[in-house]
Amino acid sequence: MWLNEQQIIPSAIRAYRKALVRSTPHHVVIDGLFAQAKLDLVAQALQQEKQWKTQKHSYSALYVNNATWQETPDTERFVQRDLWERTGHPADNPESAIALEFLSFLRSNEFMSLLSRIFDVQITDINVAKPEVNTNFFRLSASDFVNQHADDSPGREVCMLLYLNQNWQSDNGGELMFMGKDNGPVTIAPLYNRCVLFDPSSEGSEHWVKAVTGETAGCYRYNITSWYWSE
């Protein structure tokens, strides 16, 4: 069981729906949504250094190579972070297996049904060509960044961020920042087993990540990003 049953009882779902409609952007923060013992195993799997690959996007192009990146002005650089590679895992590696299992669960009918209940819209992968590319692990170091952007796209109903940072401290930075409204940005710390769900088409949903400030070598901010569509 990947989900914490106490966090998905009917009264909890009603509370999430109220939080969504009352907030700008429409979002809800759920702490402890997932079973911690299983999530601990996922977090452990992410410590395998060889599975990470640097990813760079500009505002005009995704997956920019190093040569193009060097010619891209700082103001046009959108994302620099590490992506967890799904392929190339040893068949007998149980740590990789649990991480892959969790990614699959996040695109399962069970989990998408939960999102459908919270957002009051039918979430489905029926028209998504490659669902697996829309759910993955990422990490940021002090030299990485995710600059301001919007995640809205035709049919995209839900964006999910789940943080996997054990013992994260306030001085480590890495907060999620929503634009919000009336010059009142929304700040959310990337605490362990904290799930942020938001409507990417809602007012004030433009967002960015504050710089990671950990001074220790190898200090990373880990998260899952997952996008979901309706028919």
C-alpha atoms as a PDB file:
ATOM      1  CA  MET A   1       0.000   0.000   0.000  1.00  0.00           C
ATOM      2  CA  TRP A   2       1.648   3.197  -1.174  1.00  0.00           C
ATOM      3  CA  LEU A   3      -0.924   5.594   0.244  1.00  0.00           C
ATOM      4  CA  ASN A   4      -1.430   6.539   3.877  1.00  0.00           C
ATOM      5  CA  GLU A   5      -5.043   5.500   4.397  1.00  0.00           C
ATOM      6  CA  GLN A   6      -5.720   8.188   6.996  1.00  0.00           C
ATOM      7  CA  GLN A   7      -4.957  10.835   4.396  1.00  0.00           C
ATOM      8  CA  ILE A   8      -7.501   9.605   1.867  1.00  0.00           C
ATOM      9  CA  ILE A   9     -10.619   9.150   3.991  1.00  0.00           C
ATOM     10  CA  PRO A  10     -13.720  11.052   2.784  1.00  0.00           C
ATOM     11  CA  SER A  11     -13.319  13.914   5.261  1.00  0.00           C
ATOM     12  CA  ALA A  12      -9.720  14.416   4.114  1.00  0.00           C
ATOM     13  CA  ILE A  13     -10.785  14.531   0.460  1.00  0.00           C
ATOM     14  CA  ARG A  14     -13.411  17.146   1.293  1.00  0.00           C
ATOM     15  CA  ALA A  15     -10.784  19.237   3.087  1.00  0.00           C
ATOM     16  CA  TYR A  16      -8.444  19.052   0.099  1.00  0.00           C
ATOM     17  CA  ARG A  17     -11.185  20.181  -2.272  1.00  0.00           C
ATOM     18  CA  LYS A  18     -12.019  23.144  -0.050  1.00  0.00           C
ATOM     19  CA  ALA A  19      -8.356  24.131   0.130  1.00  0.00           C
ATOM     20  CA  LEU A  20      -8.092  24.000  -3.660  1.00  0.00           C
ATOM     21  CA  VAL A  21     -10.942  26.358  -4.413  1.00  0.00           C
ATOM     22  CA  ARG A  22     -10.013  28.821  -1.678  1.00  0.00           C
ATOM     23  CA  SER A  23      -6.368  29.268  -2.648  1.00  0.00           C
ATOM     24  CA  THR A  24      -4.513  31.199  -5.344  1.00  0.00           C
ATOM     25  CA  PRO A  25      -3.256  29.392  -7.239  1.00  0.00           C
ATOM     26  CA  HIS A  26      -5.638  26.498  -6.735  1.00  0.00           C
ATOM     27  CA  HIS A  27      -3.410  24.160  -4.764  1.00  0.00           C
ATOM     28  CA  VAL A  28      -3.299  21.899  -1.746  1.00  0.00           C
ATOM     29  CA  VAL A  29      -0.356  20.787   0.391  1.00  0.00           C
ATOM     30  CA  ILE A  30      -0.666  17.281   1.852  1.00  0.00           C
ATOM     31  CA  ASP A  31       1.908  16.101   4.360  1.00  0.00           C
ATOM     32  CA  GLY A  32       2.253  12.349   4.845  1.00  0.00           C
ATOM     33  CA  LEU A  33       0.145  11.301   1.860  1.00  0.00           C
ATOM     34  CA  PHE A  34       2.360   8.297   1.186  1.00  0.00           C
ATOM     35  CA  ALA A  35       3.342   5.402   3.450  1.00  0.00           C
ATOM     36  CA  GLN A  36       6.622   6.512   4.973  1.00  0.00           C
ATOM     37  CA  ALA A  37       8.276   3.092   5.249  1.00  0.00           C
ATOM     38  CA  LYS A  38       7.937   2.521   1.516  1.00  0.00           C
ATOM     39  CA  LEU A  39       8.887   6.098   0.684  1.00  0.00           C
ATOM     40  CA  ASP A  40      12.064   5.673   2.750  1.00  0.00           C
ATOM     41  CA  LEU A  41      13.088   2.862   0.404  1.00  0.00           C
ATOM     42  CA  VAL A  42      12.502   5.102  -2.601  1.00  0.00           C
ATOM     43  CA  ALA A  43      14.598   7.883  -1.068  1.00  0.00           C
ATOM     44  CA  GLN A  44      17.373   5.380  -0.452  1.00  0.00           C
ATOM     45  CA  ALA A  45      17.313   4.268  -4.089  1.00  0.00           C
ATOM     46  CA  LEU A  46      17.866   7.844  -5.241  1.00  0.00           C
ATOM     47  CA  GLN A  47      21.286   7.905  -3.597  1.00  0.00           C
ATOM     48  CA  GLN A  48      22.728   5.792  -6.441  1.00  0.00           C
ATOM     49  CA  GLU A  49      24.821   8.369  -8.245  1.00  0.00           C
ATOM     50  CA  LYS A  50      25.114   6.563 -11.574  1.00  0.00           C
ATOM     51  CA  GLN A  51      21.392   6.880 -12.340  1.00  0.00           C
ATOM     52  CA  TRP A  52      21.442  10.684 -12.596  1.00  0.00           C
ATOM     53  CA  LYS A  53      21.907  12.707 -15.784  1.00  0.00           C
ATOM     54  CA  THR A  54      22.023  16.488 -16.158  1.00  0.00           C
ATOM     55  CA  GLN A  55      19.091  18.080 -17.974  1.00  0.00           C
ATOM     56  CA  LYS A  56      19.045  21.616 -19.388  1.00  0.00           C
ATOM     57  CA  HIS A  57      16.138  23.575 -20.859  1.00  0.00           C
ATOM     58  CA  SER A  58      15.954  27.097 -22.234  1.00  0.00           C
ATOM     59  CA  TYR A  59      12.724  29.029 -22.626  1.00  0.00           C
ATOM     60  CA  SER A  60      12.850  28.359 -26.366  1.00  0.00           C
ATOM     61  CA  ALA A  61      14.082  24.748 -26.453  1.00  0.00           C
ATOM     62  CA  LEU A  62      14.017  21.635 -24.285  1.00  0.00           C
ATOM     63  CA  TYR A  63      16.942  19.247 -23.753  1.00  0.00           C
ATOM     64  CA  VAL A  64      19.614  21.709 -24.823  1.00  0.00           C
ATOM     65  CA  ASN A  65      23.081  20.268 -25.470  1.00  0.00           C
ATOM     66  CA  ASN A  66      26.189  21.713 -23.857  1.00  0.00           C
ATOM     67  CA  ALA A  67      27.327  23.658 -26.916  1.00  0.00           C
ATOM     68  CA  THR A  68      23.976  25.410 -27.291  1.00  0.00           C
ATOM     69  CA  TRP A  69      23.750  25.937 -23.535  1.00  0.00           C
ATOM     70  CA  GLN A  70      27.018  27.860 -23.483  1.00  0.00           C
ATOM     71  CA  GLU A  71      25.593  30.244 -26.080  1.00  0.00           C
ATOM     72  CA  THR A  72      22.294  30.688 -24.226  1.00  0.00           C
ATOM     73  CA  PRO A  73      22.060  33.935 -22.204  1.00  0.00           C
ATOM     74  CA  ASP A  74      21.403  33.520 -18.487  1.00  0.00           C
ATOM     75  CA  THR A  75      18.041  35.253 -18.901  1.00  0.00           C
ATOM     76  CA  GLU A  76      16.956  32.545 -21.364  1.00  0.00           C
ATOM     77  CA  ARG A  77      18.027  29.606 -19.217  1.00  0.00           C
ATOM     78  CA  PHE A  78      14.974  27.948 -17.716  1.00  0.00           C
ATOM     79  CA  VAL A  79      16.096  24.712 -16.031  1.00  0.00           C
ATOM     80  CA  GLN A  80      19.337  23.061 -15.013  1.00  0.00           C
ATOM     81  CA  ARG A  81      18.865  19.948 -12.888  1.00  0.00           C
ATOM     82  CA  ASP A  82      19.493  16.212 -12.766  1.00  0.00           C
ATOM     83  CA  LEU A  83      17.001  13.674 -14.112  1.00  0.00           C
ATOM     84  CA  TRP A  84      16.791  10.103 -12.801  1.00  0.00           C
ATOM     85  CA  GLU A  85      17.182   7.691 -15.685  1.00  0.00           C
ATOM     86  CA  ARG A  86      14.625   4.888 -15.804  1.00  0.00           C
ATOM     87  CA  THR A  87      16.736   2.633 -18.021  1.00  0.00           C
ATOM     88  CA  GLY A  88      20.011   0.851 -17.370  1.00  0.00           C
ATOM     89  CA  HIS A  89      19.128  -0.503 -13.932  1.00  0.00           C
ATOM     90  CA  PRO A  90      20.589  -3.910 -12.980  1.00  0.00           C
ATOM     91  CA  ALA A  91      17.853  -6.536 -13.036  1.00  0.00           C
ATOM     92  CA  ASP A  92      18.791  -7.709  -9.548  1.00  0.00           C
ATOM     93  CA  ASN A  93      18.834  -4.255  -7.940  1.00  0.00           C
ATOM     94  CA  PRO A  94      15.923  -4.109  -5.442  1.00  0.00           C
ATOM     95  CA  GLU A  95      16.469  -0.409  -4.743  1.00  0.00           C
ATOM     96  CA  SER A  96      15.917   0.541  -8.369  1.00  0.00           C
ATOM     97  CA  ALA A  97      12.929  -1.795  -8.503  1.00  0.00           C
ATOM     98  CA  ILE A  98      11.127  -0.023  -5.650  1.00  0.00           C
ATOM     99  CA  ALA A  99      11.731   3.386  -7.249  1.00  0.00           C
ATOM    100  CA  LEU A 100      10.367   2.189 -10.584  1.00  0.00           C
ATOM    101  CA  GLU A 101       7.398   0.604  -8.821  1.00  0.00           C
ATOM    102  CA  PHE A 102       6.555   3.926  -7.191  1.00  0.00           C
ATOM    103  CA  LEU A 103       6.707   5.796 -10.495  1.00  0.00           C
ATOM    104  CA  SER A 104       4.326   3.219 -11.960  1.00  0.00           C
ATOM    105  CA  PHE A 105       1.958   3.625  -9.019  1.00  0.00           C
ATOM    106  CA  LEU A 106       1.774   7.371  -9.629  1.00  0.00           C
ATOM    107  CA  ARG A 107       0.272   6.621 -13.043  1.00  0.00           C
ATOM    108  CA  SER A 108      -1.984   3.827 -11.828  1.00  0.00           C
ATOM    109  CA  ASN A 109      -5.768   3.911 -11.903  1.00  0.00           C
ATOM    110  CA  GLU A 110      -5.744   3.931  -8.099  1.00  0.00           C
ATOM    111  CA  PHE A 111      -3.719   7.113  -7.816  1.00  0.00           C
ATOM    112  CA  MET A 112      -5.343   8.898 -10.749  1.00  0.00           C
ATOM    113  CA  SER A 113      -8.731   8.074  -9.237  1.00  0.00           C
ATOM    114  CA  LEU A 114      -7.637   9.873  -6.071  1.00  0.00           C
ATOM    115  CA  LEU A 115      -6.616  12.927  -8.087  1.00  0.00           C
ATOM    116  CA  SER A 116      -9.948  12.806  -9.914  1.00  0.00           C
ATOM    117  CA  ARG A 117     -11.787  12.937  -6.581  1.00  0.00           C
ATOM    118  CA  ILE A 118      -9.719  15.827  -5.277  1.00  0.00           C
ATOM    119  CA  PHE A 119      -9.922  17.945  -8.439  1.00  0.00           C
ATOM    120  CA  ASP A 120     -13.426  16.856  -9.449  1.00  0.00           C
ATOM    121  CA  VAL A 121     -12.308  16.005 -12.989  1.00  0.00           C
ATOM    122  CA  GLN A 122     -11.660  12.680 -14.701  1.00  0.00           C
ATOM    123  CA  ILE A 123      -7.902  12.111 -14.853  1.00  0.00           C
ATOM    124  CA  THR A 124      -6.770   9.582 -17.451  1.00  0.00           C
ATOM    125  CA  ASP A 125      -3.795   8.605 -19.599  1.00  0.00           C
ATOM    126  CA  ILE A 126      -6.027   7.535 -22.473  1.00  0.00           C
ATOM    127  CA  ASN A 127      -4.776  10.356 -24.721  1.00  0.00           C
ATOM    128  CA  VAL A 128      -1.236  10.599 -23.325  1.00  0.00           C
ATOM    129  CA  ALA A 129       1.223   9.116 -25.806  1.00  0.00           C
ATOM    130  CA  LYS A 130       4.024   8.380 -23.325  1.00  0.00           C
ATOM    131  CA  PRO A 131       2.694   8.584 -19.761  1.00  0.00           C
ATOM    132  CA  GLU A 132       5.984   7.481 -18.229  1.00  0.00           C
ATOM    133  CA  VAL A 133       7.859  10.588 -19.409  1.00  0.00           C
ATOM    134  CA  ASN A 134       5.451  12.742 -17.410  1.00  0.00           C
ATOM    135  CA  THR A 135       6.431  11.276 -14.028  1.00  0.00           C
ATOM    136  CA  ASN A 136      10.000  11.160 -12.774  1.00  0.00           C
ATOM    137  CA  PHE A 137      12.525  11.985 -10.073  1.00  0.00           C
ATOM    138  CA  PHE A 138      14.638  15.135 -10.190  1.00  0.00           C
ATOM    139  CA  ARG A 139      17.293  16.676  -8.005  1.00  0.00           C
ATOM    140  CA  LEU A 140      18.836  20.126  -7.612  1.00  0.00           C
ATOM    141  CA  SER A 141      22.224  21.102  -6.222  1.00  0.00           C
ATOM    142  CA  ALA A 142      23.354  24.584  -5.201  1.00  0.00           C
ATOM    143  CA  SER A 143      24.519  25.217  -8.783  1.00  0.00           C
ATOM    144  CA  ASP A 144      21.207  24.165 -10.364  1.00  0.00           C
ATOM    145  CA  PHE A 145      17.988  26.097 -10.864  1.00  0.00           C
ATOM    146  CA  VAL A 146      14.358  26.056 -11.952  1.00  0.00           C
ATOM    147  CA  ASN A 147      13.391  29.562 -13.016  1.00  0.00           C
ATOM    148  CA  GLN A 148       9.924  31.081 -13.287  1.00  0.00           C
ATOM    149  CA  HIS A 149       7.575  29.274 -15.649  1.00  0.00           C
ATOM    150  CA  ALA A 150       4.015  28.055 -16.124  1.00  0.00           C
ATOM    151  CA  ASP A 151       3.001  24.389 -16.488  1.00  0.00           C
ATOM    152  CA  ASP A 152      -0.320  24.957 -18.250  1.00  0.00           C
ATOM    153  CA  SER A 153      -0.962  22.878 -21.361  1.00  0.00           C
ATOM    154  CA  PRO A 154      -4.169  21.875 -23.220  1.00  0.00           C
ATOM    155  CA  GLY A 155      -5.959  19.213 -21.194  1.00  0.00           C
ATOM    156  CA  ARG A 156      -3.432  19.264 -18.367  1.00  0.00           C
ATOM    157  CA  GLU A 157      -5.441  19.360 -15.161  1.00  0.00           C
ATOM    158  CA  VAL A 158      -3.052  18.542 -12.316  1.00  0.00           C
ATOM    159  CA  CYS A 159       0.596  18.996 -11.487  1.00  0.00           C
ATOM    160  CA  MET A 160       2.048  17.056  -8.586  1.00  0.00           C
ATOM    161  CA  LEU A 161       5.260  17.725  -6.698  1.00  0.00           C
ATOM    162  CA  LEU A 162       6.406  15.303  -4.024  1.00  0.00           C
ATOM    163  CA  TYR A 163       9.468  16.051  -1.918  1.00  0.00           C
ATOM    164  CA  LEU A 164      11.930  13.384  -0.808  1.00  0.00           C
ATOM    165  CA  ASN A 165      14.301  15.413   1.365  1.00  0.00           C
ATOM    166  CA  GLN A 166      14.937  13.751   4.691  1.00  0.00           C
ATOM    167  CA  ASN A 167      16.033  16.095   7.487  1.00  0.00           C
ATOM    168  CA  TRP A 168      15.651  19.179   5.278  1.00  0.00           C
ATOM    169  CA  GLN A 169      16.420  22.387   7.187  1.00  0.00           C
ATOM    170  CA  SER A 170      15.005  25.861   6.620  1.00  0.00           C
ATOM    171  CA  ASP A 171      18.450  27.222   5.759  1.00  0.00           C
ATOM    172  CA  ASN A 172      18.832  24.671   2.942  1.00  0.00           C
ATOM    173  CA  GLY A 173      16.654  26.836   0.674  1.00  0.00           C
ATOM    174  CA  GLY A 174      14.933  25.116  -2.241  1.00  0.00           C
ATOM    175  CA  GLU A 175      11.438  26.437  -1.486  1.00  0.00           C
ATOM    176  CA  LEU A 176       8.739  26.210  -4.145  1.00  0.00           C
ATOM    177  CA  MET A 177       7.451  29.691  -4.971  1.00  0.00           C
ATOM    178  CA  PHE A 178       4.074  30.363  -6.581  1.00  0.00           C
ATOM    179  CA  MET A 179       3.417  33.827  -7.971  1.00  0.00           C
ATOM    180  CA  GLY A 180       0.067  33.964  -6.134  1.00  0.00           C
ATOM    181  CA  LYS A 181      -1.845  37.223  -6.404  1.00  0.00           C
ATOM    182  CA  ASP A 182      -1.616  40.867  -5.317  1.00  0.00           C
ATOM    183  CA  ASN A 183       2.172  40.658  -4.929  1.00  0.00           C
ATOM    184  CA  GLY A 184       1.708  37.892  -2.388  1.00  0.00           C
ATOM    185  CA  PRO A 185       3.806  34.903  -3.476  1.00  0.00           C
ATOM    186  CA  VAL A 186       3.161  31.526  -1.881  1.00  0.00           C
ATOM    187  CA  THR A 187       6.184  29.792  -0.328  1.00  0.00           C
ATOM    188  CA  ILE A 188       6.266  26.029   0.300  1.00  0.00           C
ATOM    189  CA  ALA A 189       9.221  24.266   1.922  1.00  0.00           C
ATOM    190  CA  PRO A 190      10.314  20.972   0.270  1.00  0.00           C
ATOM    191  CA  LEU A 191       9.843  18.817   3.358  1.00  0.00           C
ATOM    192  CA  TYR A 192       9.948  15.037   3.285  1.00  0.00           C
ATOM    193  CA  ASN A 193       6.733  13.312   2.164  1.00  0.00           C
ATOM    194  CA  ARG A 194       5.125  16.655   1.380  1.00  0.00           C
ATOM    195  CA  CYS A 195       2.898  16.519  -1.682  1.00  0.00           C
ATOM    196  CA  VAL A 196       1.834  19.669  -3.528  1.00  0.00           C
ATOM    197  CA  LEU A 197      -1.043  19.360  -5.990  1.00  0.00           C
ATOM    198  CA  PHE A 198      -2.053  22.330  -8.119  1.00  0.00           C
ATOM    199  CA  ASP A 199      -4.107  23.375 -11.109  1.00  0.00           C
ATOM    200  CA  PRO A 200      -1.591  24.695 -13.674  1.00  0.00           C
ATOM    201  CA  SER A 201      -4.236  26.784 -15.433  1.00  0.00           C
ATOM    202  CA  SER A 202      -5.289  28.672 -12.308  1.00  0.00           C
ATOM    203  CA  GLU A 203      -4.385  32.271 -11.552  1.00  0.00           C
ATOM    204  CA  GLY A 204      -0.991  32.738  -9.938  1.00  0.00           C
ATOM    205  CA  SER A 205       0.278  29.237 -10.750  1.00  0.00           C
ATOM    206  CA  GLU A 206       3.497  30.475 -12.350  1.00  0.00           C
ATOM    207  CA  HIS A 207       6.264  29.155 -10.142  1.00  0.00           C
ATOM    208  CA  TRP A 208       9.983  28.732  -9.566  1.00  0.00           C
ATOM    209  CA  VAL A 209      12.364  27.200  -7.038  1.00  0.00           C
ATOM    210  CA  LYS A 210      14.549  29.193  -4.691  1.00  0.00           C
ATOM    211  CA  ALA A 211      18.219  28.289  -4.824  1.00  0.00           C
ATOM    212  CA  VAL A 212      19.474  25.378  -2.764  1.00  0.00           C
ATOM    213  CA  THR A 213      21.926  26.741  -0.216  1.00  0.00           C
ATOM    214  CA  GLY A 214      23.374  23.591   1.344  1.00  0.00           C
ATOM    215  CA  GLU A 215      27.102  24.069   1.847  1.00  0.00           C
ATOM    216  CA  THR A 216      27.900  20.370   2.125  1.00  0.00           C
ATOM    217  CA  ALA A 217      29.147  18.704  -1.046  1.00  0.00           C
ATOM    218  CA  GLY A 218      26.492  16.367  -2.397  1.00  0.00           C
ATOM    219  CA  CYS A 219      23.592  18.249  -0.812  1.00  0.00           C
ATOM    220  CA  TYR A 220      20.634  17.745  -3.146  1.00  0.00           C
ATOM    221  CA  ARG A 221      16.961  18.679  -3.168  1.00  0.00           C
ATOM    222  CA  TYR A 222      14.986  15.651  -4.396  1.00  0.00           C
ATOM    223  CA  ASN A 223      11.472  15.620  -5.771  1.00  0.00           C
ATOM    224  CA  ILE A 224       9.061  13.870  -8.084  1.00  0.00           C
ATOM    225  CA  THR A 225       7.295  15.930 -10.711  1.00  0.00           C
ATOM    226  CA  SER A 226       4.209  14.440 -12.341  1.00  0.00           C
ATOM    227  CA  TRP A 227       1.664  15.896 -14.765  1.00  0.00           C
ATOM    228  CA  TYR A 228      -1.868  14.614 -15.388  1.00  0.00           C
ATOM    229  CA  TRP A 229      -4.479  15.149 -18.095  1.00  0.00           C
ATOM    230  CA  SER A 230      -8.192  14.773 -18.633  1.00  0.00           C
ATOM    231  CA  GLU A 231      -9.696  13.332 -21.819  1.00  0.00           C
END
